[in-house]
C-alpha atoms as a PDB file:
ATOM      1  CA  MET A   1     110.583  -3.325  80.331  1.00  0.00           C
ATOM      2  CA  SER A   2     109.289   0.323  81.163  1.00  0.00           C
ATOM      3  CA  GLU A   3     110.075   1.998  84.002  1.00  0.00           C
ATOM      4  CA  THR A   4     107.547   4.655  85.360  1.00  0.00           C
ATOM      5  CA  ASN A   5     109.192   7.518  87.245  1.00  0.00           C
ATOM      6  CA  VAL A   6     107.303   7.790  90.784  1.00  0.00           C
ATOM      7  CA  ALA A   7     106.893  11.629  91.769  1.00  0.00           C
ATOM      8  CA  ARG A   8     108.356  12.876  95.266  1.00  0.00           C
ATOM      9  CA  THR A   9     105.405  13.601  97.439  1.00  0.00           C
ATOM     10  CA  ALA A  10     105.931  16.272 100.798  1.00  0.00           C
ATOM     11  CA  SER A  11     103.111  16.883 103.257  1.00  0.00           C
ATOM     12  CA  GLY A  12     103.006  20.490 104.542  1.00  0.00           C
ATOM     13  CA  THR A  13     100.931  23.375 105.721  1.00  0.00           C
ATOM     14  CA  VAL A  14      99.866  26.491 103.613  1.00  0.00           C
ATOM     15  CA  VAL A  15     101.168  29.475 105.081  1.00  0.00           C
ATOM     16  CA  SER A  16     100.194  31.969 102.024  1.00  0.00           C
ATOM     17  CA  ASN A  17      97.521  31.900  99.383  1.00  0.00           C
ATOM     18  CA  LYS A  18      98.052  35.234  98.136  1.00  0.00           C
ATOM     19  CA  MET A  19      98.823  34.611  94.557  1.00  0.00           C
ATOM     20  CA  ASP A  20      96.682  33.426  91.882  1.00  0.00           C
ATOM     21  CA  LYS A  21      96.861  29.614  91.497  1.00  0.00           C
ATOM     22  CA  THR A  22      99.846  29.164  93.945  1.00  0.00           C
ATOM     23  CA  ILE A  23     100.321  28.521  97.105  1.00  0.00           C
ATOM     24  CA  THR A  24     103.310  28.351  99.487  1.00  0.00           C
ATOM     25  CA  VAL A  25     103.767  25.115 101.774  1.00  0.00           C
ATOM     26  CA  LEU A  26     105.981  24.904 104.642  1.00  0.00           C
ATOM     27  CA  VAL A  27     107.347  21.626 104.757  1.00  0.00           C
ATOM     28  CA  GLU A  28     108.901  20.184 108.363  1.00  0.00           C
ATOM     29  CA  ARG A  29     110.861  17.238 109.032  1.00  0.00           C
ATOM     30  CA  LYS A  30     113.146  15.961 111.490  1.00  0.00           C
ATOM     31  CA  VAL A  31     116.856  15.608 111.363  1.00  0.00           C
ATOM     32  CA  LYS A  32     118.967  13.891 113.727  1.00  0.00           C
ATOM     33  CA  HIS A  33     122.008  15.772 114.503  1.00  0.00           C
ATOM     34  CA  PRO A  34     125.518  13.928 113.237  1.00  0.00           C
ATOM     35  CA  ILE A  35     127.590  14.592 116.799  1.00  0.00           C
ATOM     36  CA  TYR A  36     124.865  15.134 119.235  1.00  0.00           C
ATOM     37  CA  GLY A  37     122.182  12.924 118.232  1.00  0.00           C
ATOM     38  CA  LYS A  38     119.463  15.229 119.163  1.00  0.00           C
ATOM     39  CA  TYR A  39     116.546  15.644 116.664  1.00  0.00           C
ATOM     40  CA  ILE A  40     116.359  19.136 115.141  1.00  0.00           C
ATOM     41  CA  LYS A  41     113.445  20.383 113.034  1.00  0.00           C
ATOM     42  CA  ARG A  42     113.963  21.621 109.574  1.00  0.00           C
ATOM     43  CA  SER A  43     111.889  23.727 107.125  1.00  0.00           C
ATOM     44  CA  LYS A  44     111.391  24.735 103.681  1.00  0.00           C
ATOM     45  CA  LYS A  45     109.141  26.970 101.586  1.00  0.00           C
ATOM     46  CA  ILE A  46     107.825  25.494  98.212  1.00  0.00           C
ATOM     47  CA  HIS A  47     105.171  27.054  96.148  1.00  0.00           C
ATOM     48  CA  ALA A  48     102.653  24.540  94.798  1.00  0.00           C
ATOM     49  CA  HIS A  49     100.474  25.231  91.785  1.00  0.00           C
ATOM     50  CA  ASP A  50      96.803  25.173  93.003  1.00  0.00           C
ATOM     51  CA  PRO A  51      94.522  25.476  89.715  1.00  0.00           C
ATOM     52  CA  GLU A  52      91.401  25.549  91.212  1.00  0.00           C
ATOM     53  CA  ASN A  53      92.052  28.147  94.232  1.00  0.00           C
ATOM     54  CA  GLN A  54      91.197  25.767  97.033  1.00  0.00           C
ATOM     55  CA  CYS A  55      93.759  26.006  99.677  1.00  0.00           C
ATOM     56  CA  GLN A  56      93.431  27.996 102.529  1.00  0.00           C
ATOM     57  CA  GLU A  57      96.281  28.974 104.998  1.00  0.00           C
ATOM     58  CA  GLY A  58      96.552  26.569 107.649  1.00  0.00           C
ATOM     59  CA  ASP A  59      95.315  23.910 105.522  1.00  0.00           C
ATOM     60  CA  GLN A  60      97.131  20.108 105.337  1.00  0.00           C
ATOM     61  CA  VAL A  61      97.912  19.387 102.148  1.00  0.00           C
ATOM     62  CA  THR A  62     100.367  16.923 100.048  1.00  0.00           C
ATOM     63  CA  ILE A  63     102.081  18.161  97.329  1.00  0.00           C
ATOM     64  CA  GLU A  64     103.971  16.187  94.783  1.00  0.00           C
ATOM     65  CA  GLU A  65     106.809  16.960  92.247  1.00  0.00           C
ATOM     66  CA  THR A  66     106.136  17.859  88.924  1.00  0.00           C
ATOM     67  CA  ARG A  67     107.586  19.502  85.637  1.00  0.00           C
ATOM     68  CA  PRO A  68     108.700  23.257  85.970  1.00  0.00           C
ATOM     69  CA  ILE A  69     105.526  25.545  85.762  1.00  0.00           C
ATOM     70  CA  SER A  70     107.187  28.619  86.148  1.00  0.00           C
ATOM     71  CA  LYS A  71     110.467  30.024  87.850  1.00  0.00           C
ATOM     72  CA  THR A  72     109.714  29.079  91.328  1.00  0.00           C
ATOM     73  CA  LYS A  73     107.087  26.550  90.913  1.00  0.00           C
ATOM     74  CA  ALA A  74     108.288  22.648  90.283  1.00  0.00           C
ATOM     75  CA  TRP A  75     105.551  21.372  92.724  1.00  0.00           C
ATOM     76  CA  LYS A  76     101.699  20.862  92.136  1.00  0.00           C
ATOM     77  CA  LEU A  77      98.941  20.240  94.772  1.00  0.00           C
ATOM     78  CA  SER A  78      98.008  16.505  95.320  1.00  0.00           C
ATOM     79  CA  SER A  79      95.749  16.516  97.858  1.00  0.00           C
ATOM     80  CA  VAL A  80      94.158  18.443 100.805  1.00  0.00           C
ATOM     81  CA  ASP A  81      94.379  15.935 103.739  1.00  0.00           C
ATOM     82  CA  ARG A  82      92.773  18.570 106.378  1.00  0.00           C
ATOM     83  CA  LYS A  83      91.023  21.834 105.981  1.00  0.00           C
ATOM     84  CA  ALA A  84      91.668  24.869 108.655  1.00  0.00           C
ATOM     85  CA  THR A  85      89.567  25.427 111.321  1.00  0.00           C
ATOM     86  CA  ILE A  86      87.873  28.899 110.832  1.00  0.00           C
ATOM     87  CA  ILE A  87      87.739  31.032 114.159  1.00  0.00           C
END
Protein backbone atom coordinates (compact mmCIF):
# COMPACT_ATOMS: atom_id res chain seq x y z
CA MET A 1 0.00 0.00 0.00
CA SER A 2 1.40 3.35 -0.99
CA GLU A 3 0.73 6.34 1.19
CA THR A 4 0.66 9.89 -0.11
CA ASN A 5 1.53 12.75 2.19
CA VAL A 6 -1.06 15.49 2.33
CA ALA A 7 0.56 18.90 2.56
CA ARG A 8 -0.44 21.22 5.39
CA THR A 9 -2.37 24.27 4.28
CA ALA A 10 -2.92 27.67 5.87
CA SER A 11 -5.05 30.68 5.00
CA GLY A 12 -4.09 34.27 5.60
CA THR A 13 -3.66 37.79 4.34
CA VAL A 14 -0.79 39.05 2.19
CA VAL A 15 1.00 41.81 4.10
CA SER A 16 3.99 42.27 1.78
CA ASN A 17 4.84 41.54 -1.84
CA LYS A 18 7.97 43.67 -2.15
CA MET A 19 10.30 40.72 -2.78
CA ASP A 20 10.64 39.03 -6.15
CA LYS A 21 8.55 35.82 -6.33
CA THR A 22 7.94 35.95 -2.58
CA ILE A 23 4.98 37.06 -0.48
CA THR A 24 4.64 37.45 3.26
CA VAL A 25 1.39 35.98 4.60
CA LEU A 26 -0.04 36.77 8.03
CA VAL A 27 -1.75 33.64 9.36
CA GLU A 28 -4.00 34.17 12.37
CA ARG A 29 -5.56 31.51 14.57
CA LYS A 30 -7.61 31.56 17.77
CA VAL A 31 -6.42 29.52 20.74
CA LYS A 32 -8.24 28.91 23.99
CA HIS A 33 -6.30 30.06 27.06
CA PRO A 34 -5.53 27.01 29.23
CA ILE A 35 -6.56 28.62 32.53
CA TYR A 36 -9.01 31.42 31.79
CA GLY A 37 -10.79 29.86 28.81
CA LYS A 38 -10.77 33.09 26.82
CA TYR A 39 -9.94 32.80 23.12
CA ILE A 40 -6.83 34.76 22.18
CA LYS A 41 -5.44 35.55 18.74
CA ARG A 42 -2.08 34.11 17.73
CA SER A 43 -0.43 35.17 14.49
CA LYS A 44 2.59 34.21 12.45
CA LYS A 45 4.18 35.69 9.34
CA ILE A 46 5.16 33.10 6.73
CA HIS A 47 7.18 33.64 3.55
CA ALA A 48 5.61 31.86 0.59
CA HIS A 49 6.71 31.28 -3.01
CA ASP A 50 4.67 33.23 -5.60
CA PRO A 51 6.29 32.40 -8.98
CA GLU A 52 4.12 34.70 -11.13
CA ASN A 53 4.06 37.66 -8.69
CA GLN A 54 0.27 37.61 -8.89
CA CYS A 55 -0.57 38.58 -5.29
CA GLN A 56 -1.04 42.11 -4.00
CA GLU A 57 -1.16 43.37 -0.42
CA GLY A 58 -4.50 42.63 1.23
CA ASP A 59 -5.31 39.50 -0.80
CA GLN A 60 -6.75 36.50 1.03
CA VAL A 61 -4.68 33.45 0.00
CA THR A 62 -4.22 29.78 0.76
CA ILE A 63 -0.67 28.46 1.00
CA GLU A 64 0.64 24.92 1.32
CA GLU A 65 3.78 23.49 2.81
CA THR A 66 6.46 22.26 0.44
CA ARG A 67 10.16 21.46 0.36
CA PRO A 68 12.51 24.28 1.38
CA ILE A 69 12.91 26.71 -1.52
CA SER A 70 15.28 29.11 0.24
CA LYS A 71 16.49 29.91 3.74
CA THR A 72 13.13 31.38 4.81
CA LYS A 73 10.68 29.87 2.29
CA ALA A 74 9.12 26.44 2.78
CA TRP A 75 5.57 27.30 1.65
CA LYS A 76 4.10 27.96 -1.78
CA LEU A 77 1.02 29.79 -3.00
CA SER A 78 -1.86 27.40 -3.56
CA SER A 79 -4.71 29.74 -4.50
CA VAL A 80 -5.89 33.32 -4.27
CA ASP A 81 -9.22 33.19 -2.44
CA ARG A 82 -10.17 36.87 -2.62
CA LYS A 83 -8.46 39.83 -4.25
CA ALA A 84 -8.00 43.06 -2.28
CA THR A 85 -10.29 45.95 -3.04
CA ILE A 86 -8.52 48.91 -4.59
CA ILE A 87 -9.42 52.25 -3.02
